[in-house]
Amino acid sequence: MATYLTYRNGNGSLDDLVKEAVTHFHKRYGRLPGALVVHKTLLDEAVKVIGKSVEVGGSGGCLAGEVWLRVEERRAKDGE
């Protein structure tokens, strides 16, 4: 099951929101999110903002002023 960090910022553009969310995520986890989800009507715009560095998806459940960032689980190697 996937875990998502929800990042909200009702002020500013989608460009600002995505950049802030990914920067915050990187500072917190030391890596990029496994995927970024935006409201389905903002999908094309989000792809233009983030490029191909992160998988982007759309969902009707994600509000226009938020993004969901997938947190990938770190799996321990055998014997650790």
C-alpha atoms as a PDB file:
ATOM      1  CA  MET A   1       0.000   0.000   0.000  1.00  0.00           C
ATOM      2  CA  ALA A   2       1.346   3.424  -0.935  1.00  0.00           C
ATOM      3  CA  THR A   3       1.756   6.209   1.593  1.00  0.00           C
ATOM      4  CA  TYR A   4       1.362   9.845   0.550  1.00  0.00           C
ATOM      5  CA  LEU A   5       2.408  13.109   2.166  1.00  0.00           C
ATOM      6  CA  THR A   6      -0.223  15.782   1.474  1.00  0.00           C
ATOM      7  CA  TYR A   7       1.163  19.256   0.895  1.00  0.00           C
ATOM      8  CA  ARG A   8      -1.260  22.196   0.868  1.00  0.00           C
ATOM      9  CA  ASN A   9      -0.737  25.816  -0.048  1.00  0.00           C
ATOM     10  CA  GLY A  10      -3.816  27.655  -1.259  1.00  0.00           C
ATOM     11  CA  ASN A  11      -1.794  30.743  -2.210  1.00  0.00           C
ATOM     12  CA  GLY A  12       0.114  31.067  -5.438  1.00  0.00           C
ATOM     13  CA  SER A  13       0.348  29.106  -8.635  1.00  0.00           C
ATOM     14  CA  LEU A  14       0.595  25.375  -9.222  1.00  0.00           C
ATOM     15  CA  ASP A  15       4.206  25.969 -10.235  1.00  0.00           C
ATOM     16  CA  ASP A  16       4.970  27.460  -6.797  1.00  0.00           C
ATOM     17  CA  LEU A  17       3.019  24.726  -4.998  1.00  0.00           C
ATOM     18  CA  VAL A  18       4.815  21.877  -6.770  1.00  0.00           C
ATOM     19  CA  LYS A  19       8.258  23.426  -6.258  1.00  0.00           C
ATOM     20  CA  GLU A  20       7.596  24.089  -2.556  1.00  0.00           C
ATOM     21  CA  ALA A  21       6.198  20.602  -1.997  1.00  0.00           C
ATOM     22  CA  VAL A  22       9.077  18.800  -3.719  1.00  0.00           C
ATOM     23  CA  THR A  23      11.662  20.990  -1.941  1.00  0.00           C
ATOM     24  CA  HIS A  24      10.008  20.288   1.436  1.00  0.00           C
ATOM     25  CA  PHE A  25       9.846  16.560   0.674  1.00  0.00           C
ATOM     26  CA  HIS A  26      13.522  16.469  -0.349  1.00  0.00           C
ATOM     27  CA  LYS A  27      14.600  18.257   2.845  1.00  0.00           C
ATOM     28  CA  ARG A  28      12.540  15.838   4.953  1.00  0.00           C
ATOM     29  CA  TYR A  29      13.420  12.539   3.231  1.00  0.00           C
ATOM     30  CA  GLY A  30      16.659  13.304   1.367  1.00  0.00           C
ATOM     31  CA  ARG A  31      15.221  12.163  -1.967  1.00  0.00           C
ATOM     32  CA  LEU A  32      12.542  12.929  -4.526  1.00  0.00           C
ATOM     33  CA  PRO A  33       9.018  11.549  -4.027  1.00  0.00           C
ATOM     34  CA  GLY A  34       8.077   8.310  -5.759  1.00  0.00           C
ATOM     35  CA  ALA A  35       5.221  10.152  -7.491  1.00  0.00           C
ATOM     36  CA  LEU A  36       3.334  13.418  -7.400  1.00  0.00           C
ATOM     37  CA  VAL A  37      -0.472  13.554  -7.642  1.00  0.00           C
ATOM     38  CA  VAL A  38      -2.525  16.653  -8.454  1.00  0.00           C
ATOM     39  CA  HIS A  39      -6.193  17.240  -9.248  1.00  0.00           C
ATOM     40  CA  LYS A  40      -6.955  15.588 -12.584  1.00  0.00           C
ATOM     41  CA  THR A  41      -7.703  18.946 -14.254  1.00  0.00           C
ATOM     42  CA  LEU A  42      -4.166  20.122 -13.410  1.00  0.00           C
ATOM     43  CA  LEU A  43      -2.337  17.049 -14.687  1.00  0.00           C
ATOM     44  CA  ASP A  44      -0.961  18.534 -17.914  1.00  0.00           C
ATOM     45  CA  GLU A  45       0.199  21.692 -16.128  1.00  0.00           C
ATOM     46  CA  ALA A  46       1.917  19.661 -13.389  1.00  0.00           C
ATOM     47  CA  VAL A  47       3.787  17.568 -15.962  1.00  0.00           C
ATOM     48  CA  LYS A  48       5.106  20.790 -17.514  1.00  0.00           C
ATOM     49  CA  VAL A  49       6.243  22.021 -14.083  1.00  0.00           C
ATOM     50  CA  ILE A  50       7.946  18.852 -12.816  1.00  0.00           C
ATOM     51  CA  GLY A  51       9.147  17.382 -16.093  1.00  0.00           C
ATOM     52  CA  LYS A  52      10.182  13.752 -16.194  1.00  0.00           C
ATOM     53  CA  SER A  53      12.076  13.687 -12.892  1.00  0.00           C
ATOM     54  CA  VAL A  54       9.019  12.437 -10.959  1.00  0.00           C
ATOM     55  CA  GLU A  55       6.016  10.370 -12.063  1.00  0.00           C
ATOM     56  CA  VAL A  56       2.901  12.585 -12.167  1.00  0.00           C
ATOM     57  CA  GLY A  57      -0.686  11.396 -11.794  1.00  0.00           C
ATOM     58  CA  GLY A  58      -4.116  12.957 -11.523  1.00  0.00           C
ATOM     59  CA  SER A  59      -6.961  12.245  -9.108  1.00  0.00           C
ATOM     60  CA  GLY A  60     -10.367  13.821  -8.622  1.00  0.00           C
ATOM     61  CA  GLY A  61      -9.903  13.370  -4.871  1.00  0.00           C
ATOM     62  CA  CYS A  62      -6.856  15.627  -4.731  1.00  0.00           C
ATOM     63  CA  LEU A  63      -7.912  19.243  -4.175  1.00  0.00           C
ATOM     64  CA  ALA A  64      -6.753  22.002  -6.540  1.00  0.00           C
ATOM     65  CA  GLY A  65      -4.654  23.647  -3.792  1.00  0.00           C
ATOM     66  CA  GLU A  66      -2.749  20.527  -2.764  1.00  0.00           C
ATOM     67  CA  VAL A  67      -0.379  17.864  -4.056  1.00  0.00           C
ATOM     68  CA  TRP A  68       0.153  14.332  -2.840  1.00  0.00           C
ATOM     69  CA  LEU A  69       3.741  13.076  -2.685  1.00  0.00           C
ATOM     70  CA  ARG A  70       4.281   9.306  -2.576  1.00  0.00           C
ATOM     71  CA  VAL A  71       6.677   8.172   0.135  1.00  0.00           C
ATOM     72  CA  GLU A  72       8.575   5.079  -0.956  1.00  0.00           C
ATOM     73  CA  GLU A  73       9.322   2.623   1.822  1.00  0.00           C
ATOM     74  CA  ARG A  74      12.977   1.849   2.382  1.00  0.00           C
ATOM     75  CA  ARG A  75      13.408  -1.892   2.477  1.00  0.00           C
ATOM     76  CA  ALA A  76      16.198  -3.441   4.487  1.00  0.00           C
ATOM     77  CA  LYS A  77      18.555  -5.752   2.659  1.00  0.00           C
ATOM     78  CA  ASP A  78      18.588  -9.416   3.674  1.00  0.00           C
ATOM     79  CA  GLY A  79      20.649  -9.917   6.793  1.00  0.00           C
ATOM     80  CA  GLU A  80      20.319  -6.351   8.114  1.00  0.00           C
END
